[in-house]
Amino acid sequence: MPRFLLAPRCLVCEAPSETGRALCRACHAGLVRNDSCCGRCAQPLPTSVPACATCLQGDRPWADLWVPFVYTWPLDELERRFKFAGSLVAGRVLSQCWLDTGCPPTTPDLLLPMPLHRSRLRSRGYNQAMELARHLGRRLSIPVRHDVLQRVKKTRPQTDLDAAARAANIRGAFHVRRVPSQRHVALVDDVMTTGATLGECVRTLTDAGVARVDVWALARTPLPA
């Protein structure tokens, strides 16, 4: 009996996909590249600048960063499915789109996924940053370790907090369980908002003796309208 392969359906619009992925060509074209942004925090801007006003006033502890997309439709729909609806297929599509954007500015020796608190990991069933890091590491031939960083403090959601409250909320949230032998690592996350959580994580790693920490995030949230 002949077997027929059905084209995958797009996770965003549910139309048959012509790309061989669960994302059709039209929705893929709708992804917004973060090409015009701050060079220190990747905040989307009308014109690229080496450092925005916020970065000029405060410390950004990472060495370099790679944030190829703006967190807006249709990427936010894929992220919702990946992060909150248990769709690992959406995570694979996001990883593929990330890799399609090109190479990172520098290549680290090790990738470290942003850790989840054990209670969040238990309820979600997987760490979305780890899933992204696995795909990136496999394609770029960079090892990935999940046993270096631990999230020891269950924090409040950062979304509705101001800058000072964000910093206080996340302070002391991470612990380095094992200092890696690699001197250059990249911290991998899905969405970068203000950078407060990533910054705390980077400081924890450098305080433990890691020589250089870059930040890789799939997307950056835009400024409020």
Foldseek 3Di string as FASTA:
>chain_A
DDDDDFAAAALQPRHRAPPSANHHPVQLVVWAWLPAAAFQQSARDPHYDVHDPVCVVDPQLADGEAATTACDPPLVVLVCCVQPVVDLSSLVVLLVSSVVVDDDPDDFQEEEEDDDAPVSCVVNVHASQVSSCVSVCVVVVHYYDHQFKHFDDDFDDPVPDDPVVLLVRQAPRMAGPDQDPTQEYEYTEAEDERCNNVRNVSVNNVVVPRNHYYYYYHHYYHDDD
